[in-house]
Amino acid sequence: KKPSPLPVAFWIPGGAYLFGSKESLQPFFYDGSSLLTQSVPNPGSMIFVSINYRLGTYGWLAGTLMENAAVPNVGLHDQRAALQWVKDYIGLVGGDPKRVTAMGESAGAGSIMHHLVAEGGKLDPMFHRAILQSPAYQMAWDRNGTVDSIFNKFGGLAGCGSASGKAVVDCLRKASPDALAKANAALQASQTPGTFAVGPTPDGKFIRQMPLL
């Protein structure tokens, strides 16, 4: 008898949208071993998937300037690409694409909140249940004010201060990896402790407004 497909836990790691990865806090936690050993009816009665996604300014630059020149919130799109992979291929290793539970802590849980409201809640999130642990994100709504200022500040830190609008994105694409890494660190270092320069942000399309609304 062919075994029934197994339920899938899809883990989105946290880290303030700035740090961390699926390799963090191992063993037992981010590698899923604690869940796998305690699954019922027998250990291993599930499949655990953990992912990485772009962090800091690499994944979360936003604002109207970014919207007009590139794609904001690409960290969410990275996560969605992984969810699509699970939907398409998890059956090849015995998983059930119709029983996917998204799980996340801190930034991971905050990300799940945004997937639930993607495109006004009309876009299939490609998971069927969700477990949110201590969801966190920086509330950002002033897209053509504060968020654009952060975008321009990062551009200046990366050596693109003489550019404006779309030209900032063009300049950033040509900047060296070292310049981008230093600018990424400097931007966060300039923030008030306990706050974050970037994270999921309404963009009028994929994320139409803050999840709480």
N, C-alpha and C. Protein backbone atom coordinates (compact mmCIF):
# COMPACT_ATOMS: atom_id res chain seq x y z
N LYS A 1 0.84 -1.20 0.00
CA LYS A 1 0.00 0.00 0.00
C LYS A 1 0.87 1.24 0.00
N LYS A 2 0.56 2.14 -0.89
CA LYS A 2 1.32 3.38 -0.97
C LYS A 2 1.04 4.24 0.26
N PRO A 3 2.09 4.74 0.94
CA PRO A 3 1.86 5.55 2.15
C PRO A 3 1.19 6.87 1.80
N SER A 4 0.39 7.35 2.74
CA SER A 4 -0.28 8.63 2.55
C SER A 4 0.76 9.76 2.57
N PRO A 5 0.56 10.81 1.77
CA PRO A 5 1.51 11.92 1.79
C PRO A 5 1.51 12.60 3.16
N LEU A 6 2.67 13.11 3.53
CA LEU A 6 2.87 13.66 4.87
C LEU A 6 2.58 15.16 4.90
N PRO A 7 2.07 15.65 6.04
CA PRO A 7 1.88 17.09 6.20
C PRO A 7 3.24 17.81 6.21
N VAL A 8 3.22 19.07 5.84
CA VAL A 8 4.46 19.84 5.68
C VAL A 8 4.44 21.04 6.61
N ALA A 9 5.53 21.23 7.35
CA ALA A 9 5.76 22.45 8.12
C ALA A 9 6.75 23.31 7.34
N PHE A 10 6.36 24.54 7.05
CA PHE A 10 7.19 25.46 6.26
C PHE A 10 7.65 26.57 7.19
N TRP A 11 8.93 26.55 7.55
CA TRP A 11 9.47 27.44 8.57
C TRP A 11 10.13 28.67 7.95
N ILE A 12 9.69 29.86 8.38
CA ILE A 12 10.31 31.12 7.98
C ILE A 12 11.07 31.66 9.18
N PRO A 13 12.40 31.64 9.16
CA PRO A 13 13.17 32.08 10.32
C PRO A 13 13.04 33.57 10.57
N GLY A 14 13.22 33.95 11.83
CA GLY A 14 13.19 35.36 12.22
C GLY A 14 14.57 35.97 12.25
N GLY A 15 14.62 37.21 12.74
CA GLY A 15 15.89 37.93 12.83
C GLY A 15 15.74 39.40 12.46
N ALA A 16 14.55 39.98 12.79
CA ALA A 16 14.33 41.42 12.60
C ALA A 16 14.45 41.86 11.14
N TYR A 17 14.32 40.91 10.22
CA TYR A 17 14.48 41.20 8.78
C TYR A 17 15.90 41.66 8.44
N LEU A 18 16.82 41.46 9.39
CA LEU A 18 18.19 41.97 9.23
C LEU A 18 19.24 40.87 9.27
N PHE A 19 18.98 39.80 10.01
CA PHE A 19 20.00 38.76 10.20
C PHE A 19 19.31 37.41 10.40
N GLY A 20 20.12 36.38 10.52
CA GLY A 20 19.60 35.04 10.72
C GLY A 20 19.46 34.27 9.43
N SER A 21 19.23 32.97 9.55
CA SER A 21 19.07 32.10 8.39
C SER A 21 18.53 30.77 8.86
N LYS A 22 18.24 29.89 7.91
CA LYS A 22 17.76 28.56 8.28
C LYS A 22 18.83 27.75 8.99
N GLU A 23 20.09 28.19 8.88
CA GLU A 23 21.18 27.49 9.56
C GLU A 23 21.30 27.92 11.03
N SER A 24 20.53 28.94 11.46
CA SER A 24 20.63 29.44 12.83
C SER A 24 20.01 28.45 13.82
N LEU A 25 20.45 28.56 15.07
CA LEU A 25 19.85 27.84 16.20
C LEU A 25 19.69 26.35 15.93
N GLN A 26 20.74 25.76 15.40
CA GLN A 26 20.73 24.32 15.19
C GLN A 26 21.66 23.65 16.20
N PRO A 27 21.42 22.44 16.62
CA PRO A 27 20.31 21.58 16.17
C PRO A 27 19.02 21.85 16.94
N PHE A 28 18.01 21.13 16.61
CA PHE A 28 16.72 21.00 17.29
C PHE A 28 15.68 22.05 16.90
N PHE A 29 16.07 23.26 16.50
CA PHE A 29 15.05 24.28 16.29
C PHE A 29 14.85 24.58 14.81
N TYR A 30 15.76 25.36 14.22
CA TYR A 30 15.57 25.76 12.83
C TYR A 30 15.78 24.62 11.84
N ASP A 31 16.32 23.49 12.31
CA ASP A 31 16.43 22.34 11.41
C ASP A 31 15.22 21.41 11.53
N GLY A 32 14.29 21.76 12.41
CA GLY A 32 13.05 21.00 12.54
C GLY A 32 13.14 19.71 13.30
N SER A 33 14.32 19.38 13.83
CA SER A 33 14.47 18.06 14.45
C SER A 33 13.58 17.89 15.68
N SER A 34 13.32 18.98 16.42
CA SER A 34 12.46 18.84 17.61
C SER A 34 11.03 18.49 17.21
N LEU A 35 10.55 19.09 16.11
CA LEU A 35 9.21 18.75 15.63
C LEU A 35 9.16 17.35 15.04
N LEU A 36 10.18 17.02 14.27
CA LEU A 36 10.20 15.72 13.60
C LEU A 36 10.22 14.57 14.61
N THR A 37 10.98 14.73 15.68
CA THR A 37 11.08 13.64 16.66
C THR A 37 9.82 13.50 17.51
N GLN A 38 9.00 14.55 17.57
CA GLN A 38 7.79 14.51 18.39
C GLN A 38 6.51 14.41 17.56
N SER A 39 6.65 14.27 16.26
CA SER A 39 5.46 14.18 15.41
C SER A 39 4.71 12.88 15.68
N VAL A 40 3.41 12.90 15.42
CA VAL A 40 2.58 11.72 15.67
C VAL A 40 1.92 11.30 14.37
N PRO A 41 1.62 10.02 14.22
CA PRO A 41 1.70 8.97 15.25
C PRO A 41 3.10 8.43 15.50
N ASN A 42 4.04 8.74 14.60
CA ASN A 42 5.41 8.25 14.78
C ASN A 42 6.39 9.37 14.48
N PRO A 43 7.59 9.31 15.08
CA PRO A 43 8.61 10.29 14.70
C PRO A 43 8.84 10.26 13.19
N GLY A 44 8.95 11.44 12.60
CA GLY A 44 9.13 11.52 11.17
C GLY A 44 7.84 11.51 10.38
N SER A 45 6.70 11.72 11.07
CA SER A 45 5.40 11.69 10.38
C SER A 45 5.05 13.05 9.78
N MET A 46 6.05 13.77 9.34
CA MET A 46 5.85 15.07 8.72
C MET A 46 7.11 15.42 7.94
N ILE A 47 7.02 16.46 7.14
CA ILE A 47 8.19 16.99 6.43
C ILE A 47 8.40 18.43 6.87
N PHE A 48 9.63 18.77 7.15
CA PHE A 48 9.97 20.11 7.62
C PHE A 48 10.81 20.81 6.54
N VAL A 49 10.37 22.00 6.15
CA VAL A 49 11.09 22.80 5.16
C VAL A 49 11.46 24.13 5.80
N SER A 50 12.73 24.50 5.72
CA SER A 50 13.18 25.80 6.22
C SER A 50 13.88 26.54 5.09
N ILE A 51 13.75 27.86 5.08
CA ILE A 51 14.21 28.64 3.93
C ILE A 51 15.09 29.81 4.36
N ASN A 52 15.76 30.37 3.37
CA ASN A 52 16.42 31.67 3.52
C ASN A 52 15.72 32.67 2.61
N TYR A 53 15.87 33.94 2.92
CA TYR A 53 15.33 35.01 2.08
C TYR A 53 16.23 36.24 2.27
N ARG A 54 16.16 37.14 1.33
CA ARG A 54 17.04 38.31 1.39
C ARG A 54 16.72 39.20 2.59
N LEU A 55 17.77 39.71 3.21
CA LEU A 55 17.64 40.47 4.45
C LEU A 55 18.11 41.91 4.28
N GLY A 56 17.76 42.74 5.26
CA GLY A 56 18.20 44.13 5.25
C GLY A 56 17.73 44.84 3.99
N THR A 57 18.55 45.74 3.52
CA THR A 57 18.17 46.50 2.32
C THR A 57 18.14 45.63 1.07
N TYR A 58 18.81 44.48 1.11
CA TYR A 58 18.78 43.57 -0.04
C TYR A 58 17.37 43.03 -0.27
N GLY A 59 16.60 42.91 0.80
CA GLY A 59 15.29 42.29 0.68
C GLY A 59 14.11 43.20 0.94
N TRP A 60 14.37 44.41 1.53
CA TRP A 60 13.23 45.14 2.06
C TRP A 60 13.21 46.63 1.73
N LEU A 61 14.01 47.09 0.78
CA LEU A 61 13.88 48.48 0.36
C LEU A 61 12.48 48.71 -0.19
N ALA A 62 11.90 49.85 0.15
CA ALA A 62 10.53 50.12 -0.27
C ALA A 62 10.33 51.62 -0.43
N GLY A 63 9.07 52.02 -0.59
CA GLY A 63 8.74 53.42 -0.80
C GLY A 63 8.38 53.69 -2.25
N THR A 64 7.83 54.86 -2.50
CA THR A 64 7.35 55.18 -3.85
C THR A 64 8.49 55.23 -4.86
N LEU A 65 9.66 55.70 -4.45
CA LEU A 65 10.80 55.74 -5.37
C LEU A 65 11.18 54.32 -5.80
N MET A 66 11.20 53.41 -4.85
CA MET A 66 11.51 52.02 -5.15
C MET A 66 10.40 51.39 -6.00
N GLU A 67 9.16 51.70 -5.69
CA GLU A 67 8.04 51.15 -6.45
C GLU A 67 8.11 51.53 -7.92
N ASN A 68 8.56 52.75 -8.20
CA ASN A 68 8.59 53.25 -9.57
C ASN A 68 9.80 52.76 -10.36
N ALA A 69 10.80 52.21 -9.65
CA ALA A 69 12.04 51.84 -10.33
C ALA A 69 12.38 50.37 -10.23
N ALA A 70 11.81 49.68 -9.26
CA ALA A 70 12.18 48.28 -9.04
C ALA A 70 11.04 47.59 -8.29
N VAL A 71 11.33 46.48 -7.63
CA VAL A 71 10.31 45.72 -6.90
C VAL A 71 10.59 45.84 -5.41
N PRO A 72 9.67 46.43 -4.64
CA PRO A 72 9.85 46.47 -3.18
C PRO A 72 9.50 45.13 -2.54
N ASN A 73 9.86 44.98 -1.29
CA ASN A 73 9.48 43.78 -0.52
C ASN A 73 9.94 42.48 -1.17
N VAL A 74 11.12 42.46 -1.78
CA VAL A 74 11.53 41.24 -2.47
C VAL A 74 11.77 40.08 -1.49
N GLY A 75 11.98 40.40 -0.21
CA GLY A 75 12.08 39.33 0.78
C GLY A 75 10.82 38.49 0.82
N LEU A 76 9.66 39.15 0.72
CA LEU A 76 8.39 38.42 0.67
C LEU A 76 8.28 37.60 -0.61
N HIS A 77 8.77 38.14 -1.71
CA HIS A 77 8.72 37.40 -2.97
C HIS A 77 9.65 36.19 -2.93
N ASP A 78 10.80 36.31 -2.23
CA ASP A 78 11.67 35.14 -2.03
C ASP A 78 10.92 34.04 -1.29
N GLN A 79 10.22 34.43 -0.22
CA GLN A 79 9.46 33.45 0.55
C GLN A 79 8.37 32.81 -0.29
N ARG A 80 7.71 33.62 -1.08
CA ARG A 80 6.64 33.10 -1.93
C ARG A 80 7.19 32.14 -2.98
N ALA A 81 8.37 32.43 -3.51
CA ALA A 81 8.99 31.52 -4.47
C ALA A 81 9.26 30.16 -3.82
N ALA A 82 9.67 30.17 -2.55
CA ALA A 82 9.90 28.90 -1.85
C ALA A 82 8.58 28.17 -1.61
N LEU A 83 7.53 28.91 -1.28
CA LEU A 83 6.21 28.29 -1.11
C LEU A 83 5.73 27.67 -2.43
N GLN A 84 6.00 28.35 -3.52
CA GLN A 84 5.63 27.81 -4.83
C GLN A 84 6.39 26.52 -5.11
N TRP A 85 7.68 26.49 -4.72
CA TRP A 85 8.49 25.28 -4.90
C TRP A 85 7.88 24.12 -4.12
N VAL A 86 7.48 24.40 -2.88
CA VAL A 86 6.86 23.34 -2.08
C VAL A 86 5.58 22.84 -2.75
N LYS A 87 4.76 23.76 -3.21
CA LYS A 87 3.52 23.39 -3.87
C LYS A 87 3.77 22.51 -5.09
N ASP A 88 4.82 22.84 -5.84
CA ASP A 88 5.10 22.13 -7.09
C ASP A 88 5.82 20.80 -6.89
N TYR A 89 6.68 20.72 -5.87
CA TYR A 89 7.61 19.59 -5.83
C TYR A 89 7.62 18.77 -4.54
N ILE A 90 6.95 19.22 -3.48
CA ILE A 90 7.06 18.48 -2.23
C ILE A 90 6.48 17.08 -2.36
N GLY A 91 5.58 16.89 -3.31
CA GLY A 91 5.02 15.56 -3.53
C GLY A 91 6.06 14.54 -3.98
N LEU A 92 7.15 15.01 -4.58
CA LEU A 92 8.19 14.10 -5.05
C LEU A 92 8.95 13.44 -3.90
N VAL A 93 8.87 14.04 -2.70
CA VAL A 93 9.55 13.44 -1.54
C VAL A 93 8.53 13.00 -0.49
N GLY A 94 7.29 12.81 -0.92
CA GLY A 94 6.28 12.24 -0.02
C GLY A 94 5.47 13.26 0.74
N GLY A 95 5.60 14.55 0.43
CA GLY A 95 4.85 15.57 1.13
C GLY A 95 3.50 15.85 0.49
N ASP A 96 2.59 16.41 1.27
CA ASP A 96 1.25 16.72 0.79
C ASP A 96 1.14 18.23 0.53
N PRO A 97 1.11 18.66 -0.72
CA PRO A 97 1.02 20.09 -1.01
C PRO A 97 -0.29 20.72 -0.58
N LYS A 98 -1.26 19.89 -0.18
CA LYS A 98 -2.54 20.41 0.29
C LYS A 98 -2.59 20.52 1.80
N ARG A 99 -1.49 20.16 2.46
CA ARG A 99 -1.43 20.28 3.92
C ARG A 99 -0.11 20.94 4.32
N VAL A 100 0.01 22.22 4.01
CA VAL A 100 1.21 22.99 4.33
C VAL A 100 0.87 23.97 5.44
N THR A 101 1.62 23.92 6.53
CA THR A 101 1.46 24.86 7.63
C THR A 101 2.66 25.80 7.64
N ALA A 102 2.40 27.08 7.45
CA ALA A 102 3.47 28.08 7.54
C ALA A 102 3.71 28.40 9.00
N MET A 103 4.98 28.38 9.39
CA MET A 103 5.37 28.67 10.76
C MET A 103 6.47 29.72 10.75
N GLY A 104 6.44 30.61 11.72
CA GLY A 104 7.49 31.60 11.81
C GLY A 104 7.52 32.27 13.16
N GLU A 105 8.70 32.80 13.50
CA GLU A 105 8.89 33.49 14.76
C GLU A 105 9.46 34.87 14.48
N SER A 106 8.96 35.88 15.18
CA SER A 106 9.41 37.27 15.04
C SER A 106 9.24 37.74 13.58
N ALA A 107 10.34 38.00 12.87
CA ALA A 107 10.21 38.44 11.48
C ALA A 107 9.55 37.38 10.61
N GLY A 108 9.76 36.12 10.94
CA GLY A 108 9.11 35.05 10.19
C GLY A 108 7.60 35.10 10.36
N ALA A 109 7.14 35.33 11.59
CA ALA A 109 5.71 35.43 11.85
C ALA A 109 5.14 36.70 11.23
N GLY A 110 5.89 37.81 11.32
CA GLY A 110 5.44 39.05 10.69
C GLY A 110 5.32 38.89 9.18
N SER A 111 6.22 38.12 8.60
CA SER A 111 6.14 37.85 7.16
C SER A 111 4.86 37.11 6.82
N ILE A 112 4.50 36.12 7.64
CA ILE A 112 3.28 35.36 7.39
C ILE A 112 2.05 36.27 7.41
N MET A 113 2.04 37.24 8.33
CA MET A 113 0.92 38.19 8.37
C MET A 113 0.77 38.89 7.02
N HIS A 114 1.90 39.25 6.42
CA HIS A 114 1.84 39.95 5.14
C HIS A 114 1.41 39.02 3.99
N HIS A 115 1.80 37.76 4.06
CA HIS A 115 1.33 36.82 3.03
C HIS A 115 -0.19 36.63 3.11
N LEU A 116 -0.74 36.71 4.32
CA LEU A 116 -2.18 36.53 4.48
C LEU A 116 -2.98 37.67 3.87
N VAL A 117 -2.37 38.86 3.77
CA VAL A 117 -3.09 40.01 3.22
C VAL A 117 -2.59 40.39 1.83
N ALA A 118 -1.74 39.56 1.23
CA ALA A 118 -1.18 39.89 -0.09
C ALA A 118 -2.29 40.12 -1.10
N GLU A 119 -2.11 41.18 -1.87
CA GLU A 119 -3.10 41.60 -2.88
C GLU A 119 -4.50 41.69 -2.27
N GLY A 120 -4.54 42.31 -1.11
CA GLY A 120 -5.82 42.52 -0.44
C GLY A 120 -6.44 41.24 0.10
N GLY A 121 -5.64 40.21 0.32
CA GLY A 121 -6.14 38.94 0.82
C GLY A 121 -6.71 38.05 -0.26
N LYS A 122 -6.58 38.45 -1.51
CA LYS A 122 -7.14 37.68 -2.61
C LYS A 122 -6.13 36.72 -3.24
N LEU A 123 -4.86 36.88 -2.91
CA LEU A 123 -3.82 36.02 -3.48
C LEU A 123 -3.66 34.77 -2.63
N ASP A 124 -3.68 33.62 -3.27
CA ASP A 124 -3.49 32.36 -2.54
C ASP A 124 -2.13 32.38 -1.87
N PRO A 125 -2.08 32.27 -0.53
CA PRO A 125 -0.77 32.29 0.15
C PRO A 125 0.02 31.00 -0.03
N MET A 126 -0.63 29.98 -0.55
CA MET A 126 -0.01 28.67 -0.80
C MET A 126 0.35 27.93 0.48
N PHE A 127 -0.30 28.27 1.58
CA PHE A 127 -0.28 27.43 2.77
C PHE A 127 -1.70 27.37 3.30
N HIS A 128 -1.97 26.41 4.16
CA HIS A 128 -3.34 26.09 4.56
C HIS A 128 -3.61 26.35 6.03
N ARG A 129 -2.56 26.40 6.80
CA ARG A 129 -2.65 26.77 8.22
C ARG A 129 -1.43 27.62 8.53
N ALA A 130 -1.50 28.35 9.64
CA ALA A 130 -0.37 29.20 10.02
C ALA A 130 -0.19 29.18 11.53
N ILE A 131 1.06 29.17 11.96
CA ILE A 131 1.42 29.29 13.37
C ILE A 131 2.36 30.48 13.48
N LEU A 132 1.91 31.54 14.14
CA LEU A 132 2.68 32.78 14.26
C LEU A 132 3.18 32.92 15.70
N GLN A 133 4.49 33.01 15.85
CA GLN A 133 5.09 33.15 17.17
C GLN A 133 5.73 34.53 17.29
N SER A 134 5.19 35.35 18.18
CA SER A 134 5.73 36.70 18.45
C SER A 134 5.95 37.50 17.17
N PRO A 135 4.90 37.70 16.35
CA PRO A 135 5.10 38.44 15.10
C PRO A 135 5.59 39.86 15.35
N ALA A 136 6.53 40.29 14.53
CA ALA A 136 7.12 41.62 14.69
C ALA A 136 7.46 42.21 13.34
N TYR A 137 7.19 43.49 13.19
CA TYR A 137 7.63 44.25 12.02
C TYR A 137 7.51 45.72 12.35
N GLN A 138 8.30 46.54 11.68
CA GLN A 138 8.26 47.98 11.88
C GLN A 138 7.08 48.54 11.08
N MET A 139 6.12 49.15 11.76
CA MET A 139 4.97 49.70 11.04
C MET A 139 5.42 50.87 10.18
N ALA A 140 5.23 50.74 8.88
CA ALA A 140 5.63 51.79 7.93
C ALA A 140 4.45 52.06 7.01
N TRP A 141 4.05 53.30 6.94
CA TRP A 141 2.90 53.64 6.08
C TRP A 141 3.15 54.89 5.24
N ASP A 142 4.10 55.71 5.65
CA ASP A 142 4.37 56.96 4.93
C ASP A 142 5.32 56.68 3.77
N ARG A 143 4.77 56.07 2.72
CA ARG A 143 5.61 55.55 1.63
C ARG A 143 6.38 56.65 0.90
N ASN A 144 5.73 57.80 0.68
CA ASN A 144 6.42 58.88 -0.05
C ASN A 144 7.02 59.91 0.89
N GLY A 145 7.17 59.53 2.16
CA GLY A 145 7.79 60.39 3.16
C GLY A 145 8.94 59.68 3.84
N THR A 146 8.65 59.10 5.00
CA THR A 146 9.68 58.44 5.80
C THR A 146 10.36 57.30 5.04
N VAL A 147 9.56 56.48 4.36
CA VAL A 147 10.14 55.30 3.68
C VAL A 147 11.03 55.75 2.52
N ASP A 148 10.59 56.76 1.77
CA ASP A 148 11.44 57.30 0.70
C ASP A 148 12.72 57.91 1.27
N SER A 149 12.62 58.53 2.43
CA SER A 149 13.82 59.13 3.05
C SER A 149 14.84 58.05 3.39
N ILE A 150 14.37 56.91 3.88
CA ILE A 150 15.28 55.79 4.18
C ILE A 150 15.92 55.28 2.90
N PHE A 151 15.11 55.17 1.85
CA PHE A 151 15.64 54.74 0.55
C PHE A 151 16.75 55.68 0.08
N ASN A 152 16.51 56.99 0.15
CA ASN A 152 17.52 57.96 -0.28
C ASN A 152 18.74 57.95 0.62
N LYS A 153 18.52 57.73 1.91
CA LYS A 153 19.64 57.67 2.85
C LYS A 153 20.55 56.49 2.52
N PHE A 154 19.94 55.35 2.23
CA PHE A 154 20.75 54.20 1.85
C PHE A 154 21.51 54.49 0.57
N GLY A 155 20.86 55.11 -0.39
CA GLY A 155 21.55 55.47 -1.63
C GLY A 155 22.75 56.35 -1.38
N GLY A 156 22.60 57.31 -0.49
CA GLY A 156 23.73 58.17 -0.16
C GLY A 156 24.86 57.41 0.51
N LEU A 157 24.52 56.51 1.43
CA LEU A 157 25.54 55.71 2.12
C LEU A 157 26.29 54.80 1.16
N ALA A 158 25.61 54.38 0.08
CA ALA A 158 26.23 53.49 -0.91
C ALA A 158 26.97 54.25 -2.00
N GLY A 159 27.02 55.57 -1.88
CA GLY A 159 27.74 56.37 -2.87
C GLY A 159 26.89 56.84 -4.03
N CYS A 160 25.56 56.81 -3.85
CA CYS A 160 24.65 57.23 -4.92
C CYS A 160 23.90 58.50 -4.55
N GLY A 161 24.49 59.29 -3.69
CA GLY A 161 23.82 60.48 -3.18
C GLY A 161 23.55 61.54 -4.22
N SER A 162 24.30 61.57 -5.31
CA SER A 162 24.09 62.58 -6.34
C SER A 162 22.95 62.22 -7.28
N ALA A 163 22.45 60.99 -7.18
CA ALA A 163 21.36 60.54 -8.04
C ALA A 163 20.02 60.79 -7.37
N SER A 164 18.94 60.63 -8.12
CA SER A 164 17.61 60.79 -7.57
C SER A 164 16.65 59.86 -8.31
N GLY A 165 15.57 59.45 -7.60
CA GLY A 165 14.56 58.61 -8.21
C GLY A 165 15.12 57.31 -8.77
N LYS A 166 14.72 57.01 -10.00
CA LYS A 166 15.14 55.77 -10.65
C LYS A 166 16.66 55.69 -10.78
N ALA A 167 17.31 56.85 -10.89
CA ALA A 167 18.77 56.85 -11.03
C ALA A 167 19.45 56.26 -9.80
N VAL A 168 18.81 56.35 -8.62
CA VAL A 168 19.39 55.75 -7.41
C VAL A 168 19.44 54.24 -7.57
N VAL A 169 18.36 53.65 -8.05
CA VAL A 169 18.34 52.20 -8.25
C VAL A 169 19.38 51.79 -9.29
N ASP A 170 19.48 52.54 -10.38
CA ASP A 170 20.49 52.23 -11.40
C ASP A 170 21.89 52.29 -10.80
N CYS A 171 22.13 53.30 -9.95
CA CYS A 171 23.44 53.43 -9.31
C CYS A 171 23.70 52.28 -8.35
N LEU A 172 22.70 51.91 -7.57
CA LEU A 172 22.87 50.82 -6.61
C LEU A 172 23.17 49.50 -7.32
N ARG A 173 22.58 49.30 -8.48
CA ARG A 173 22.83 48.06 -9.24
C ARG A 173 24.27 47.99 -9.73
N LYS A 174 24.91 49.13 -9.86
CA LYS A 174 26.29 49.17 -10.33
C LYS A 174 27.30 49.24 -9.18
N ALA A 175 26.80 49.44 -7.97
CA ALA A 175 27.70 49.58 -6.82
C ALA A 175 28.38 48.26 -6.49
N SER A 176 29.52 48.34 -5.85
CA SER A 176 30.26 47.12 -5.49
C SER A 176 29.57 46.41 -4.33
N PRO A 177 29.72 45.10 -4.23
CA PRO A 177 29.15 44.38 -3.08
C PRO A 177 29.63 44.93 -1.75
N ASP A 178 30.90 45.35 -1.69
CA ASP A 178 31.45 45.89 -0.45
C ASP A 178 30.75 47.20 -0.08
N ALA A 179 30.51 48.07 -1.06
CA ALA A 179 29.83 49.34 -0.79
C ALA A 179 28.41 49.11 -0.30
N LEU A 180 27.72 48.14 -0.90
CA LEU A 180 26.36 47.83 -0.48
C LEU A 180 26.33 47.26 0.93
N ALA A 181 27.27 46.38 1.24
CA ALA A 181 27.31 45.77 2.57
C ALA A 181 27.59 46.83 3.65
N LYS A 182 28.51 47.73 3.36
CA LYS A 182 28.82 48.79 4.33
C LYS A 182 27.64 49.73 4.51
N ALA A 183 26.98 50.07 3.41
CA ALA A 183 25.82 50.95 3.49
C ALA A 183 24.67 50.28 4.24
N ASN A 184 24.50 48.98 4.03
CA ASN A 184 23.46 48.22 4.72
C ASN A 184 23.68 48.27 6.23
N ALA A 185 24.93 48.05 6.65
CA ALA A 185 25.25 48.08 8.08
C ALA A 185 25.13 49.48 8.64
N ALA A 186 25.59 50.48 7.89
CA ALA A 186 25.56 51.86 8.37
C ALA A 186 24.13 52.37 8.52
N LEU A 187 23.25 51.97 7.61
CA LEU A 187 21.87 52.40 7.70
C LEU A 187 21.22 51.92 8.98
N GLN A 188 21.40 50.65 9.31
CA GLN A 188 20.80 50.13 10.53
C GLN A 188 21.47 50.73 11.76
N ALA A 189 22.78 50.96 11.70
CA ALA A 189 23.49 51.54 12.85
C ALA A 189 23.00 52.95 13.16
N SER A 190 22.45 53.63 12.17
CA SER A 190 21.97 55.00 12.37
C SER A 190 20.58 55.05 12.98
N GLN A 191 19.94 53.90 13.13
CA GLN A 191 18.58 53.85 13.66
C GLN A 191 18.57 53.97 15.18
N THR A 192 17.46 54.44 15.72
CA THR A 192 17.25 54.42 17.16
C THR A 192 17.24 52.97 17.64
N PRO A 193 17.98 52.65 18.71
CA PRO A 193 18.00 51.26 19.18
C PRO A 193 16.59 50.72 19.39
N GLY A 194 16.39 49.49 18.92
CA GLY A 194 15.08 48.86 19.03
C GLY A 194 14.18 49.10 17.84
N THR A 195 14.63 49.91 16.89
CA THR A 195 13.86 50.12 15.67
C THR A 195 14.66 49.61 14.49
N PHE A 196 13.99 49.45 13.37
CA PHE A 196 14.62 48.86 12.20
C PHE A 196 14.39 49.75 10.99
N ALA A 197 15.41 49.87 10.18
CA ALA A 197 15.34 50.77 9.03
C ALA A 197 14.42 50.23 7.94
N VAL A 198 14.40 48.92 7.79
CA VAL A 198 13.63 48.31 6.70
C VAL A 198 12.85 47.10 7.20
N GLY A 199 11.89 46.69 6.41
CA GLY A 199 11.05 45.54 6.70
C GLY A 199 9.86 45.57 5.77
N PRO A 200 8.91 44.67 5.94
CA PRO A 200 7.73 44.66 5.06
C PRO A 200 7.03 46.01 5.09
N THR A 201 6.68 46.51 3.92
CA THR A 201 6.11 47.85 3.80
C THR A 201 4.99 47.84 2.76
N PRO A 202 3.87 48.47 3.05
CA PRO A 202 2.84 48.59 2.02
C PRO A 202 3.41 49.19 0.74
N ASP A 203 3.03 48.61 -0.39
CA ASP A 203 3.53 49.12 -1.67
C ASP A 203 2.40 49.42 -2.65
N GLY A 204 1.16 49.32 -2.16
CA GLY A 204 0.01 49.65 -2.99
C GLY A 204 -0.43 48.56 -3.94
N LYS A 205 0.32 47.47 -4.00
CA LYS A 205 0.00 46.40 -4.95
C LYS A 205 0.06 45.05 -4.25
N PHE A 206 1.26 44.53 -4.05
CA PHE A 206 1.39 43.24 -3.38
C PHE A 206 0.94 43.35 -1.93
N ILE A 207 1.41 44.38 -1.22
CA ILE A 207 0.94 44.68 0.13
C ILE A 207 0.21 46.03 0.04
N ARG A 208 -1.11 45.98 0.01
CA ARG A 208 -1.88 47.19 -0.22
C ARG A 208 -1.91 48.12 0.98
N GLN A 209 -1.91 47.53 2.16
CA GLN A 209 -1.91 48.33 3.39
C GLN A 209 -1.39 47.47 4.55
N MET A 210 -1.20 48.09 5.70
CA MET A 210 -0.65 47.34 6.83
C MET A 210 -1.59 46.19 7.21
N PRO A 211 -1.03 45.05 7.58
CA PRO A 211 -1.86 43.88 7.91
C PRO A 211 -2.89 44.15 8.99
N LEU A 212 -2.58 45.00 9.97
CA LEU A 212 -3.54 45.26 11.04
C LEU A 212 -4.82 45.88 10.49
N LEU A 213 -4.70 46.65 9.42
CA LEU A 213 -5.90 47.23 8.81
C LEU A 213 -6.65 46.19 7.99
